[in-house]
Amino acid sequence: MSSVEAKVTALVPSLGVVLSVGIGLFQDAEASLPLTEVGWGVLYPGSTMGRTVYVRNMGDAPLTLSFNVLDWNPSQAPLFISVSWSEEGKRLEKGEVRPTELILTVSPDIKDIREFSMNLVFEGTP
């Protein structure tokens, strides 16, 4: 006697939406002039300099904003120079454009650094 296996199949449709996530940085409140670099000009020991940039949520979902500074040159620069911003941990809604203040502070104890560079990293997390 032969055995035949019975197989039952069920088909269940599956749908979903993948939201795009992204932020843009701009020089203006209309978000029409992309920001390609931030220049700090001439600074002195103990000085603080501010720059306003505009961040825009380019995606489909609200984002929580964060900021980091990487790739310091020279490598000892972050011992004497810091950069912060006003939007850390804040929520940015879909399509929203918001001014943000970047603040660079130079320690009064800075030494042996004449020029510096770094990469500013702006992130948005859904």
PDB file of N, CA and C in Angstrom:
ATOM      1  N   MET A   1       0.828  -1.152   0.000  1.00  0.00           N
ATOM      2  CA  MET A   1       0.000   0.000   0.000  1.00  0.00           C
ATOM      3  C   MET A   1       0.894   1.244   0.000  1.00  0.00           C
ATOM      4  N   SER A   2       0.593   2.219  -0.831  1.00  0.00           N
ATOM      5  CA  SER A   2       1.429   3.408  -0.906  1.00  0.00           C
ATOM      6  C   SER A   2       0.787   4.538  -0.112  1.00  0.00           C
ATOM      7  N   SER A   3       1.670   5.357   0.408  1.00  0.00           N
ATOM      8  CA  SER A   3       1.216   6.483   1.224  1.00  0.00           C
ATOM      9  C   SER A   3       1.338   7.765   0.407  1.00  0.00           C
ATOM     10  N   VAL A   4       0.330   8.579   0.419  1.00  0.00           N
ATOM     11  CA  VAL A   4       0.332   9.853  -0.300  1.00  0.00           C
ATOM     12  C   VAL A   4       0.210  10.966   0.737  1.00  0.00           C
ATOM     13  N   GLU A   5       1.159  11.906   0.634  1.00  0.00           N
ATOM     14  CA  GLU A   5       1.117  13.039   1.555  1.00  0.00           C
ATOM     15  C   GLU A   5       0.173  14.100   1.027  1.00  0.00           C
ATOM     16  N   ALA A   6      -0.656  14.587   1.876  1.00  0.00           N
ATOM     17  CA  ALA A   6      -1.560  15.659   1.485  1.00  0.00           C
ATOM     18  C   ALA A   6      -0.928  16.976   1.898  1.00  0.00           C
ATOM     19  N   LYS A   7      -1.002  17.941   1.036  1.00  0.00           N
ATOM     20  CA  LYS A   7      -0.433  19.251   1.327  1.00  0.00           C
ATOM     21  C   LYS A   7      -1.527  20.298   1.153  1.00  0.00           C
ATOM     22  N   VAL A   8      -1.634  21.157   2.126  1.00  0.00           N
ATOM     23  CA  VAL A   8      -2.599  22.243   2.065  1.00  0.00           C
ATOM     24  C   VAL A   8      -1.810  23.548   2.095  1.00  0.00           C
ATOM     25  N   THR A   9      -2.119  24.443   1.199  1.00  0.00           N
ATOM     26  CA  THR A   9      -1.412  25.709   1.109  1.00  0.00           C
ATOM     27  C   THR A   9      -2.386  26.853   1.322  1.00  0.00           C
ATOM     28  N   ALA A  10      -1.927  27.854   2.059  1.00  0.00           N
ATOM     29  CA  ALA A  10      -2.730  29.058   2.257  1.00  0.00           C
ATOM     30  C   ALA A  10      -1.918  30.254   1.770  1.00  0.00           C
ATOM     31  N   LEU A  11      -2.533  31.107   1.041  1.00  0.00           N
ATOM     32  CA  LEU A  11      -1.899  32.312   0.520  1.00  0.00           C
ATOM     33  C   LEU A  11      -2.447  33.513   1.283  1.00  0.00           C
ATOM     34  N   VAL A  12      -1.542  34.276   1.880  1.00  0.00           N
ATOM     35  CA  VAL A  12      -1.936  35.459   2.637  1.00  0.00           C
ATOM     36  C   VAL A  12      -1.207  36.652   2.042  1.00  0.00           C
ATOM     37  N   PRO A  13      -1.936  37.611   1.499  1.00  0.00           N
ATOM     38  CA  PRO A  13      -1.283  38.807   0.946  1.00  0.00           C
ATOM     39  C   PRO A  13      -0.568  39.591   2.048  1.00  0.00           C
ATOM     40  N   SER A  14       0.528  40.237   1.672  1.00  0.00           N
ATOM     41  CA  SER A  14       1.295  41.039   2.613  1.00  0.00           C
ATOM     42  C   SER A  14       1.590  42.385   1.969  1.00  0.00           C
ATOM     43  N   LEU A  15       1.329  43.446   2.704  1.00  0.00           N
ATOM     44  CA  LEU A  15       1.548  44.796   2.208  1.00  0.00           C
ATOM     45  C   LEU A  15       2.340  45.588   3.234  1.00  0.00           C
ATOM     46  N   GLY A  16       3.048  46.586   2.762  1.00  0.00           N
ATOM     47  CA  GLY A  16       3.782  47.440   3.686  1.00  0.00           C
ATOM     48  C   GLY A  16       4.196  48.722   3.000  1.00  0.00           C
ATOM     49  N   VAL A  17       4.652  49.647   3.781  1.00  0.00           N
ATOM     50  CA  VAL A  17       5.144  50.915   3.274  1.00  0.00           C
ATOM     51  C   VAL A  17       6.529  51.128   3.863  1.00  0.00           C
ATOM     52  N   VAL A  18       7.491  51.416   3.013  1.00  0.00           N
ATOM     53  CA  VAL A  18       8.837  51.733   3.469  1.00  0.00           C
ATOM     54  C   VAL A  18       8.979  53.245   3.400  1.00  0.00           C
ATOM     55  N   LEU A  19       9.192  53.858   4.538  1.00  0.00           N
ATOM     56  CA  LEU A  19       9.337  55.309   4.593  1.00  0.00           C
ATOM     57  C   LEU A  19      10.774  55.702   4.295  1.00  0.00           C
ATOM     58  N   SER A  20      10.937  56.778   3.526  1.00  0.00           N
ATOM     59  CA  SER A  20      12.286  57.272   3.288  1.00  0.00           C
ATOM     60  C   SER A  20      12.696  58.140   4.466  1.00  0.00           C
ATOM     61  N   VAL A  21      13.975  58.109   4.749  1.00  0.00           N
ATOM     62  CA  VAL A  21      14.519  58.878   5.866  1.00  0.00           C
ATOM     63  C   VAL A  21      15.684  59.691   5.333  1.00  0.00           C
ATOM     64  N   GLY A  22      15.734  60.949   5.666  1.00  0.00           N
ATOM     65  CA  GLY A  22      16.854  61.770   5.248  1.00  0.00           C
ATOM     66  C   GLY A  22      16.737  63.178   5.789  1.00  0.00           C
ATOM     67  N   ILE A  23      17.894  63.816   5.932  1.00  0.00           N
ATOM     68  CA  ILE A  23      17.900  65.217   6.321  1.00  0.00           C
ATOM     69  C   ILE A  23      18.771  65.978   5.333  1.00  0.00           C
ATOM     70  N   GLY A  24      18.430  67.232   5.158  1.00  0.00           N
ATOM     71  CA  GLY A  24      19.225  68.123   4.327  1.00  0.00           C
ATOM     72  C   GLY A  24      19.653  69.321   5.147  1.00  0.00           C
ATOM     73  N   LEU A  25      20.796  69.887   4.801  1.00  0.00           N
ATOM     74  CA  LEU A  25      21.309  71.063   5.490  1.00  0.00           C
ATOM     75  C   LEU A  25      21.401  72.199   4.481  1.00  0.00           C
ATOM     76  N   PHE A  26      20.958  73.379   4.922  1.00  0.00           N
ATOM     77  CA  PHE A  26      20.834  74.500   4.005  1.00  0.00           C
ATOM     78  C   PHE A  26      21.350  75.780   4.631  1.00  0.00           C
ATOM     79  N   GLN A  27      21.657  76.746   3.756  1.00  0.00           N
ATOM     80  CA  GLN A  27      22.125  78.058   4.193  1.00  0.00           C
ATOM     81  C   GLN A  27      20.976  79.014   4.481  1.00  0.00           C
ATOM     82  N   ASP A  28      19.760  78.685   3.990  1.00  0.00           N
ATOM     83  CA  ASP A  28      18.653  79.616   4.070  1.00  0.00           C
ATOM     84  C   ASP A  28      17.379  78.946   4.584  1.00  0.00           C
ATOM     85  N   ALA A  29      16.465  79.756   5.088  1.00  0.00           N
ATOM     86  CA  ALA A  29      15.222  79.261   5.681  1.00  0.00           C
ATOM     87  C   ALA A  29      14.297  78.621   4.651  1.00  0.00           C
ATOM     88  N   GLU A  30      14.467  78.948   3.381  1.00  0.00           N
ATOM     89  CA  GLU A  30      13.636  78.359   2.328  1.00  0.00           C
ATOM     90  C   GLU A  30      14.162  76.991   1.890  1.00  0.00           C
ATOM     91  N   ALA A  31      15.311  76.601   2.421  1.00  0.00           N
ATOM     92  CA  ALA A  31      15.958  75.324   2.080  1.00  0.00           C
ATOM     93  C   ALA A  31      16.207  75.228   0.580  1.00  0.00           C
ATOM     94  N   SER A  32      16.684  76.319   0.002  1.00  0.00           N
ATOM     95  CA  SER A  32      16.978  76.328  -1.433  1.00  0.00           C
ATOM     96  C   SER A  32      18.476  76.361  -1.730  1.00  0.00           C
ATOM     97  N   LEU A  33      19.290  76.755  -0.755  1.00  0.00           N
ATOM     98  CA  LEU A  33      20.748  76.810  -0.936  1.00  0.00           C
ATOM     99  C   LEU A  33      21.410  75.747  -0.069  1.00  0.00           C
ATOM    100  N   PRO A  34      21.842  74.628  -0.670  1.00  0.00           N
ATOM    101  CA  PRO A  34      22.464  73.556   0.117  1.00  0.00           C
ATOM    102  C   PRO A  34      23.715  74.045   0.849  1.00  0.00           C
ATOM    103  N   LEU A  35      23.901  73.537   2.029  1.00  0.00           N
ATOM    104  CA  LEU A  35      25.084  73.847   2.826  1.00  0.00           C
ATOM    105  C   LEU A  35      26.180  72.857   2.455  1.00  0.00           C
ATOM    106  N   THR A  36      27.309  73.352   1.969  1.00  0.00           N
ATOM    107  CA  THR A  36      28.401  72.469   1.552  1.00  0.00           C
ATOM    108  C   THR A  36      29.583  72.507   2.510  1.00  0.00           C
ATOM    109  N   GLU A  37      29.693  73.577   3.291  1.00  0.00           N
ATOM    110  CA  GLU A  37      30.729  73.662   4.313  1.00  0.00           C
ATOM    111  C   GLU A  37      30.361  74.757   5.305  1.00  0.00           C
ATOM    112  N   VAL A  38      30.977  74.675   6.477  1.00  0.00           N
ATOM    113  CA  VAL A  38      30.798  75.706   7.492  1.00  0.00           C
ATOM    114  C   VAL A  38      32.167  76.325   7.740  1.00  0.00           C
ATOM    115  N   GLY A  39      32.300  77.598   7.436  1.00  0.00           N
ATOM    116  CA  GLY A  39      33.555  78.313   7.681  1.00  0.00           C
ATOM    117  C   GLY A  39      33.482  79.053   9.006  1.00  0.00           C
ATOM    118  N   TRP A  40      34.561  79.008   9.766  1.00  0.00           N
ATOM    119  CA  TRP A  40      34.572  79.633  11.087  1.00  0.00           C
ATOM    120  C   TRP A  40      35.381  80.928  11.121  1.00  0.00           C
ATOM    121  N   GLY A  41      36.103  81.225  10.066  1.00  0.00           N
ATOM    122  CA  GLY A  41      36.885  82.459  10.038  1.00  0.00           C
ATOM    123  C   GLY A  41      38.062  82.407  10.998  1.00  0.00           C
ATOM    124  N   VAL A  42      38.533  83.591  11.405  1.00  0.00           N
ATOM    125  CA  VAL A  42      39.668  83.712  12.321  1.00  0.00           C
ATOM    126  C   VAL A  42      39.147  83.705  13.751  1.00  0.00           C
ATOM    127  N   LEU A  43      39.730  82.839  14.559  1.00  0.00           N
ATOM    128  CA  LEU A  43      39.314  82.686  15.959  1.00  0.00           C
ATOM    129  C   LEU A  43      40.504  82.952  16.877  1.00  0.00           C
ATOM    130  N   TYR A  44      40.196  83.274  18.119  1.00  0.00           N
ATOM    131  CA  TYR A  44      41.233  83.556  19.109  1.00  0.00           C
ATOM    132  C   TYR A  44      41.050  82.653  20.318  1.00  0.00           C
ATOM    133  N   PRO A  45      42.124  82.420  21.086  1.00  0.00           N
ATOM    134  CA  PRO A  45      41.965  81.636  22.310  1.00  0.00           C
ATOM    135  C   PRO A  45      40.862  82.221  23.191  1.00  0.00           C
ATOM    136  N   GLY A  46      39.980  81.354  23.677  1.00  0.00           N
ATOM    137  CA  GLY A  46      38.880  81.777  24.526  1.00  0.00           C
ATOM    138  C   GLY A  46      37.651  82.277  23.784  1.00  0.00           C
ATOM    139  N   SER A  47      37.680  82.256  22.456  1.00  0.00           N
ATOM    140  CA  SER A  47      36.552  82.797  21.690  1.00  0.00           C
ATOM    141  C   SER A  47      35.476  81.755  21.422  1.00  0.00           C
ATOM    142  N   THR A  48      34.284  82.257  21.132  1.00  0.00           N
ATOM    143  CA  THR A  48      33.134  81.440  20.749  1.00  0.00           C
ATOM    144  C   THR A  48      32.549  82.035  19.477  1.00  0.00           C
ATOM    145  N   MET A  49      32.184  81.166  18.544  1.00  0.00           N
ATOM    146  CA  MET A  49      31.618  81.621  17.267  1.00  0.00           C
ATOM    147  C   MET A  49      30.368  80.813  16.975  1.00  0.00           C
ATOM    148  N   GLY A  50      29.318  81.476  16.533  1.00  0.00           N
ATOM    149  CA  GLY A  50      28.076  80.795  16.183  1.00  0.00           C
ATOM    150  C   GLY A  50      27.792  80.886  14.693  1.00  0.00           C
ATOM    151  N   ARG A  51      27.146  79.862  14.170  1.00  0.00           N
ATOM    152  CA  ARG A  51      26.697  79.840  12.781  1.00  0.00           C
ATOM    153  C   ARG A  51      25.287  79.253  12.744  1.00  0.00           C
ATOM    154  N   THR A  52      24.393  79.907  12.034  1.00  0.00           N
ATOM    155  CA  THR A  52      23.038  79.377  11.862  1.00  0.00           C
ATOM    156  C   THR A  52      22.978  78.594  10.566  1.00  0.00           C
ATOM    157  N   VAL A  53      22.506  77.359  10.660  1.00  0.00           N
ATOM    158  CA  VAL A  53      22.243  76.535   9.485  1.00  0.00           C
ATOM    159  C   VAL A  53      20.802  76.033   9.617  1.00  0.00           C
ATOM    160  N   TYR A  54      20.244  75.608   8.504  1.00  0.00           N
ATOM    161  CA  TYR A  54      18.853  75.152   8.483  1.00  0.00           C
ATOM    162  C   TYR A  54      18.821  73.667   8.160  1.00  0.00           C
ATOM    163  N   VAL A  55      18.129  72.910   9.000  1.00  0.00           N
ATOM    164  CA  VAL A  55      18.012  71.472   8.795  1.00  0.00           C
ATOM    165  C   VAL A  55      16.587  71.174   8.326  1.00  0.00           C
ATOM    166  N   ARG A  56      16.491  70.302   7.317  1.00  0.00           N
ATOM    167  CA  ARG A  56      15.181  69.951   6.760  1.00  0.00           C
ATOM    168  C   ARG A  56      15.010  68.443   6.766  1.00  0.00           C
ATOM    169  N   ASN A  57      13.846  68.002   7.200  1.00  0.00           N
ATOM    170  CA  ASN A  57      13.493  66.586   7.128  1.00  0.00           C
ATOM    171  C   ASN A  57      13.069  66.303   5.689  1.00  0.00           C
ATOM    172  N   MET A  58      13.894  65.544   4.971  1.00  0.00           N
ATOM    173  CA  MET A  58      13.664  65.263   3.556  1.00  0.00           C
ATOM    174  C   MET A  58      12.868  63.975   3.345  1.00  0.00           C
ATOM    175  N   GLY A  59      12.579  63.266   4.422  1.00  0.00           N
ATOM    176  CA  GLY A  59      11.916  61.974   4.305  1.00  0.00           C
ATOM    177  C   GLY A  59      10.438  62.021   4.603  1.00  0.00           C
ATOM    178  N   ASP A  60       9.889  60.832   4.828  1.00  0.00           N
ATOM    179  CA  ASP A  60       8.457  60.665   5.049  1.00  0.00           C
ATOM    180  C   ASP A  60       8.080  60.448   6.509  1.00  0.00           C
ATOM    181  N   ALA A  61       9.058  60.392   7.390  1.00  0.00           N
ATOM    182  CA  ALA A  61       8.790  60.075   8.793  1.00  0.00           C
ATOM    183  C   ALA A  61       9.418  61.132   9.696  1.00  0.00           C
ATOM    184  N   PRO A  62       8.829  61.384  10.860  1.00  0.00           N
ATOM    185  CA  PRO A  62       9.462  62.278  11.836  1.00  0.00           C
ATOM    186  C   PRO A  62      10.816  61.716  12.254  1.00  0.00           C
ATOM    187  N   LEU A  63      11.745  62.606  12.582  1.00  0.00           N
ATOM    188  CA  LEU A  63      13.093  62.195  12.956  1.00  0.00           C
ATOM    189  C   LEU A  63      13.503  62.799  14.283  1.00  0.00           C
ATOM    190  N   THR A  64      14.345  62.078  15.002  1.00  0.00           N
ATOM    191  CA  THR A  64      15.020  62.615  16.173  1.00  0.00           C
ATOM    192  C   THR A  64      16.433  62.969  15.743  1.00  0.00           C
ATOM    193  N   LEU A  65      16.848  64.195  16.020  1.00  0.00           N
ATOM    194  CA  LEU A  65      18.116  64.711  15.520  1.00  0.00           C
ATOM    195  C   LEU A  65      19.276  64.460  16.463  1.00  0.00           C
ATOM    196  N   SER A  66      20.426  64.205  15.871  1.00  0.00           N
ATOM    197  CA  SER A  66      21.665  64.088  16.647  1.00  0.00           C
ATOM    198  C   SER A  66      22.819  64.640  15.819  1.00  0.00           C
ATOM    199  N   PHE A  67      23.940  64.855  16.484  1.00  0.00           N
ATOM    200  CA  PHE A  67      25.079  65.554  15.884  1.00  0.00           C
ATOM    201  C   PHE A  67      26.362  64.981  16.447  1.00  0.00           C
ATOM    202  N   ASN A  68      27.375  64.917  15.599  1.00  0.00           N
ATOM    203  CA  ASN A  68      28.676  64.437  16.033  1.00  0.00           C
ATOM    204  C   ASN A  68      29.747  65.144  15.218  1.00  0.00           C
ATOM    205  N   VAL A  69      30.955  65.163  15.741  1.00  0.00           N
ATOM    206  CA  VAL A  69      32.102  65.744  15.041  1.00  0.00           C
ATOM    207  C   VAL A  69      33.147  64.652  14.897  1.00  0.00           C
ATOM    208  N   LEU A  70      33.610  64.446  13.661  1.00  0.00           N
ATOM    209  CA  LEU A  70      34.574  63.382  13.367  1.00  0.00           C
ATOM    210  C   LEU A  70      35.760  63.936  12.590  1.00  0.00           C
ATOM    211  N   ASP A  71      36.797  63.131  12.503  1.00  0.00           N
ATOM    212  CA  ASP A  71      37.943  63.378  11.622  1.00  0.00           C
ATOM    213  C   ASP A  71      38.640  64.711  11.890  1.00  0.00           C
ATOM    214  N   TRP A  72      38.901  64.991  13.148  1.00  0.00           N
ATOM    215  CA  TRP A  72      39.599  66.225  13.504  1.00  0.00           C
ATOM    216  C   TRP A  72      41.002  66.225  12.914  1.00  0.00           C
ATOM    217  N   ASN A  73      41.405  67.385  12.427  1.00  0.00           N
ATOM    218  CA  ASN A  73      42.765  67.572  11.952  1.00  0.00           C
ATOM    219  C   ASN A  73      43.229  68.942  12.421  1.00  0.00           C
ATOM    220  N   PRO A  74      44.270  69.012  13.222  1.00  0.00           N
ATOM    221  CA  PRO A  74      45.078  67.923  13.755  1.00  0.00           C
ATOM    222  C   PRO A  74      44.313  67.123  14.814  1.00  0.00           C
ATOM    223  N   SER A  75      44.813  65.946  15.076  1.00  0.00           N
ATOM    224  CA  SER A  75      44.091  65.022  15.959  1.00  0.00           C
ATOM    225  C   SER A  75      43.929  65.552  17.381  1.00  0.00           C
ATOM    226  N   GLN A  76      44.792  66.459  17.831  1.00  0.00           N
ATOM    227  CA  GLN A  76      44.675  67.000  19.194  1.00  0.00           C
ATOM    228  C   GLN A  76      43.714  68.191  19.267  1.00  0.00           C
ATOM    229  N   ALA A  77      43.155  68.610  18.136  1.00  0.00           N
ATOM    230  CA  ALA A  77      42.253  69.776  18.122  1.00  0.00           C
ATOM    231  C   ALA A  77      41.071  69.641  19.076  1.00  0.00           C
ATOM    232  N   PRO A  78      40.400  68.465  19.180  1.00  0.00           N
ATOM    233  CA  PRO A  78      39.244  68.412  20.086  1.00  0.00           C
ATOM    234  C   PRO A  78      39.595  68.549  21.571  1.00  0.00           C
ATOM    235  N   LEU A  79      40.873  68.554  21.897  1.00  0.00           N
ATOM    236  CA  LEU A  79      41.271  68.835  23.278  1.00  0.00           C
ATOM    237  C   LEU A  79      41.087  70.318  23.604  1.00  0.00           C
ATOM    238  N   PHE A  80      41.053  71.163  22.538  1.00  0.00           N
ATOM    239  CA  PHE A  80      40.998  72.604  22.722  1.00  0.00           C
ATOM    240  C   PHE A  80      39.835  73.283  22.001  1.00  0.00           C
ATOM    241  N   ILE A  81      39.180  72.557  21.094  1.00  0.00           N
ATOM    242  CA  ILE A  81      38.100  73.129  20.298  1.00  0.00           C
ATOM    243  C   ILE A  81      36.888  72.204  20.397  1.00  0.00           C
ATOM    244  N   SER A  82      35.711  72.770  20.592  1.00  0.00           N
ATOM    245  CA  SER A  82      34.493  71.951  20.615  1.00  0.00           C
ATOM    246  C   SER A  82      33.426  72.590  19.730  1.00  0.00           C
ATOM    247  N   VAL A  83      32.542  71.739  19.213  1.00  0.00           N
ATOM    248  CA  VAL A  83      31.408  72.201  18.422  1.00  0.00           C
ATOM    249  C   VAL A  83      30.150  71.555  18.987  1.00  0.00           C
ATOM    250  N   SER A  84      29.128  72.351  19.204  1.00  0.00           N
ATOM    251  CA  SER A  84      27.846  71.828  19.684  1.00  0.00           C
ATOM    252  C   SER A  84      26.749  72.416  18.821  1.00  0.00           C
ATOM    253  N   TRP A  85      25.525  71.902  19.028  1.00  0.00           N
ATOM    254  CA  TRP A  85      24.383  72.463  18.298  1.00  0.00           C
ATOM    255  C   TRP A  85      23.156  72.453  19.159  1.00  0.00           C
ATOM    256  N   SER A  86      22.161  73.234  18.749  1.00  0.00           N
ATOM    257  CA  SER A  86      20.993  73.493  19.586  1.00  0.00           C
ATOM    258  C   SER A  86      19.864  72.475  19.432  1.00  0.00           C
ATOM    259  N   GLU A  87      19.993  71.499  18.547  1.00  0.00           N
ATOM    260  CA  GLU A  87      18.854  70.615  18.247  1.00  0.00           C
ATOM    261  C   GLU A  87      19.025  69.177  18.726  1.00  0.00           C
ATOM    262  N   GLU A  88      20.033  68.887  19.498  1.00  0.00           N
ATOM    263  CA  GLU A  88      20.302  67.509  19.929  1.00  0.00           C
ATOM    264  C   GLU A  88      19.080  66.893  20.594  1.00  0.00           C
ATOM    265  N   GLY A  89      18.650  65.736  20.068  1.00  0.00           N
ATOM    266  CA  GLY A  89      17.539  64.995  20.652  1.00  0.00           C
ATOM    267  C   GLY A  89      16.161  65.533  20.334  1.00  0.00           C
ATOM    268  N   LYS A  90      16.077  66.608  19.565  1.00  0.00           N
ATOM    269  CA  LYS A  90      14.770  67.193  19.240  1.00  0.00           C
ATOM    270  C   LYS A  90      14.152  66.503  18.029  1.00  0.00           C
ATOM    271  N   ARG A  91      12.835  66.569  17.951  1.00  0.00           N
ATOM    272  CA  ARG A  91      12.067  65.923  16.874  1.00  0.00           C
ATOM    273  C   ARG A  91      11.877  66.904  15.717  1.00  0.00           C
ATOM    274  N   LEU A  92      12.048  66.396  14.484  1.00  0.00           N
ATOM    275  CA  LEU A  92      11.847  67.178  13.278  1.00  0.00           C
ATOM    276  C   LEU A  92      10.792  66.471  12.438  1.00  0.00           C
ATOM    277  N   GLU A  93       9.678  67.139  12.215  1.00  0.00           N
ATOM    278  CA  GLU A  93       8.560  66.532  11.496  1.00  0.00           C
ATOM    279  C   GLU A  93       8.836  66.455   9.993  1.00  0.00           C
ATOM    280  N   LYS A  94       8.089  65.609   9.311  1.00  0.00           N
ATOM    281  CA  LYS A  94       8.193  65.438   7.861  1.00  0.00           C
ATOM    282  C   LYS A  94       8.084  66.795   7.163  1.00  0.00           C
ATOM    283  N   GLY A  95       9.067  67.129   6.322  1.00  0.00           N
ATOM    284  CA  GLY A  95       9.057  68.370   5.558  1.00  0.00           C
ATOM    285  C   GLY A  95       9.439  69.622   6.324  1.00  0.00           C
ATOM    286  N   GLU A  96       9.593  69.517   7.634  1.00  0.00           N
ATOM    287  CA  GLU A  96       9.897  70.693   8.451  1.00  0.00           C
ATOM    288  C   GLU A  96      11.312  71.203   8.190  1.00  0.00           C
ATOM    289  N   VAL A  97      11.446  72.524   8.148  1.00  0.00           N
ATOM    290  CA  VAL A  97      12.746  73.200   8.071  1.00  0.00           C
ATOM    291  C   VAL A  97      12.909  74.000   9.353  1.00  0.00           C
ATOM    292  N   ARG A  98      14.055  73.835  10.007  1.00  0.00           N
ATOM    293  CA  ARG A  98      14.251  74.503  11.290  1.00  0.00           C
ATOM    294  C   ARG A  98      15.651  75.114  11.359  1.00  0.00           C
ATOM    295  N   PRO A  99      15.756  76.365  11.857  1.00  0.00           N
ATOM    296  CA  PRO A  99      17.093  76.922  12.072  1.00  0.00           C
ATOM    297  C   PRO A  99      17.753  76.228  13.255  1.00  0.00           C
ATOM    298  N   THR A 100      19.037  76.040  13.145  1.00  0.00           N
ATOM    299  CA  THR A 100      19.803  75.454  14.236  1.00  0.00           C
ATOM    300  C   THR A 100      21.094  76.237  14.392  1.00  0.00           C
ATOM    301  N   GLU A 101      21.524  76.372  15.606  1.00  0.00           N
ATOM    302  CA  GLU A 101      22.730  77.134  15.889  1.00  0.00           C
ATOM    303  C   GLU A 101      23.892  76.183  16.176  1.00  0.00           C
ATOM    304  N   LEU A 102      24.944  76.316  15.377  1.00  0.00           N
ATOM    305  CA  LEU A 102      26.197  75.614  15.651  1.00  0.00           C
ATOM    306  C   LEU A 102      27.083  76.566  16.439  1.00  0.00           C
ATOM    307  N   ILE A 103      27.686  76.060  17.506  1.00  0.00           N
ATOM    308  CA  ILE A 103      28.546  76.874  18.362  1.00  0.00           C
ATOM    309  C   ILE A 103      29.925  76.230  18.427  1.00  0.00           C
ATOM    310  N   LEU A 104      30.936  76.976  18.009  1.00  0.00           N
ATOM    311  CA  LEU A 104      32.328  76.518  18.122  1.00  0.00           C
ATOM    312  C   LEU A 104      32.993  77.309  19.242  1.00  0.00           C
ATOM    313  N   THR A 105      33.642  76.601  20.149  1.00  0.00           N
ATOM    314  CA  THR A 105      34.313  77.223  21.283  1.00  0.00           C
ATOM    315  C   THR A 105      35.785  76.837  21.277  1.00  0.00           C
ATOM    316  N   VAL A 106      36.642  77.835  21.433  1.00  0.00           N
ATOM    317  CA  VAL A 106      38.084  77.619  21.485  1.00  0.00           C
ATOM    318  C   VAL A 106      38.552  77.832  22.922  1.00  0.00           C
ATOM    319  N   SER A 107      39.234  76.853  23.458  1.00  0.00           N
ATOM    320  CA  SER A 107      39.745  76.956  24.822  1.00  0.00           C
ATOM    321  C   SER A 107      40.766  78.086  24.929  1.00  0.00           C
ATOM    322  N   PRO A 108      40.770  78.798  26.064  1.00  0.00           N
ATOM    323  CA  PRO A 108      41.805  79.818  26.262  1.00  0.00           C
ATOM    324  C   PRO A 108      43.195  79.190  26.376  1.00  0.00           C
ATOM    325  N   ASP A 109      43.254  77.885  26.623  1.00  0.00           N
ATOM    326  CA  ASP A 109      44.528  77.182  26.791  1.00  0.00           C
ATOM    327  C   ASP A 109      45.038  76.534  25.507  1.00  0.00           C
ATOM    328  N   ILE A 110      44.422  76.838  24.357  1.00  0.00           N
ATOM    329  CA  ILE A 110      44.839  76.221  23.104  1.00  0.00           C
ATOM    330  C   ILE A 110      46.305  76.543  22.810  1.00  0.00           C
ATOM    331  N   LYS A 111      47.005  75.551  22.276  1.00  0.00           N
ATOM    332  CA  LYS A 111      48.413  75.759  21.921  1.00  0.00           C
ATOM    333  C   LYS A 111      48.770  74.848  20.752  1.00  0.00           C
ATOM    334  N   ASP A 112      49.711  75.299  19.974  1.00  0.00           N
ATOM    335  CA  ASP A 112      50.266  74.530  18.854  1.00  0.00           C
ATOM    336  C   ASP A 112      49.249  74.182  17.774  1.00  0.00           C
ATOM    337  N   ILE A 113      48.129  74.898  17.686  1.00  0.00           N
ATOM    338  CA  ILE A 113      47.161  74.679  16.618  1.00  0.00           C
ATOM    339  C   ILE A 113      46.897  76.028  15.951  1.00  0.00           C
ATOM    340  N   ARG A 114      47.232  76.107  14.681  1.00  0.00           N
ATOM    341  CA  ARG A 114      46.990  77.342  13.931  1.00  0.00           C
ATOM    342  C   ARG A 114      45.784  77.180  13.008  1.00  0.00           C
ATOM    343  N   GLU A 115      45.674  76.038  12.344  1.00  0.00           N
ATOM    344  CA  GLU A 115      44.555  75.733  11.469  1.00  0.00           C
ATOM    345  C   GLU A 115      43.964  74.398  11.876  1.00  0.00           C
ATOM    346  N   PHE A 116      42.674  74.214  11.607  1.00  0.00           N
ATOM    347  CA  PHE A 116      42.019  72.962  11.967  1.00  0.00           C
ATOM    348  C   PHE A 116      40.908  72.675  10.973  1.00  0.00           C
ATOM    349  N   SER A 117      40.506  71.422  10.949  1.00  0.00           N
ATOM    350  CA  SER A 117      39.340  71.018  10.160  1.00  0.00           C
ATOM    351  C   SER A 117      38.709  69.816  10.837  1.00  0.00           C
ATOM    352  N   MET A 118      37.462  69.573  10.485  1.00  0.00           N
ATOM    353  CA  MET A 118      36.734  68.424  11.012  1.00  0.00           C
ATOM    354  C   MET A 118      35.508  68.209  10.151  1.00  0.00           C
ATOM    355  N   ASN A 119      34.860  67.059  10.294  1.00  0.00           N
ATOM    356  CA  ASN A 119      33.610  66.780   9.606  1.00  0.00           C
ATOM    357  C   ASN A 119      32.469  66.842  10.615  1.00  0.00           C
ATOM    358  N   LEU A 120      31.442  67.597  10.264  1.00  0.00           N
ATOM    359  CA  LEU A 120      30.245  67.704  11.100  1.00  0.00           C
ATOM    360  C   LEU A 120      29.221  66.693  10.584  1.00  0.00           C
ATOM    361  N   VAL A 121      28.751  65.834  11.462  1.00  0.00           N
ATOM    362  CA  VAL A 121      27.833  64.763  11.075  1.00  0.00           C
ATOM    363  C   VAL A 121      26.469  65.043  11.705  1.00  0.00           C
ATOM    364  N   PHE A 122      25.464  65.224  10.852  1.00  0.00           N
ATOM    365  CA  PHE A 122      24.094  65.470  11.288  1.00  0.00           C
ATOM    366  C   PHE A 122      23.284  64.218  10.977  1.00  0.00           C
ATOM    367  N   GLU A 123      22.557  63.705  11.958  1.00  0.00           N
ATOM    368  CA  GLU A 123      21.808  62.476  11.766  1.00  0.00           C
ATOM    369  C   GLU A 123      20.351  62.647  12.194  1.00  0.00           C
ATOM    370  N   GLY A 124      19.494  61.906  11.512  1.00  0.00           N
ATOM    371  CA  GLY A 124      18.093  61.846  11.880  1.00  0.00           C
ATOM    372  C   GLY A 124      17.681  60.390  12.024  1.00  0.00           C
ATOM    373  N   THR A 125      17.098  60.045  13.143  1.00  0.00           N
ATOM    374  CA  THR A 125      16.668  58.664  13.414  1.00  0.00           C
ATOM    375  C   THR A 125      15.155  58.631  13.549  1.00  0.00           C
ATOM    376  N   PRO A 126      14.490  57.729  12.792  1.00  0.00           N
ATOM    377  CA  PRO A 126      13.021  57.650  12.900  1.00  0.00           C
ATOM    378  C   PRO A 126      12.582  57.168  14.261  1.00  0.00           C
TER     379      PRO A 126
END
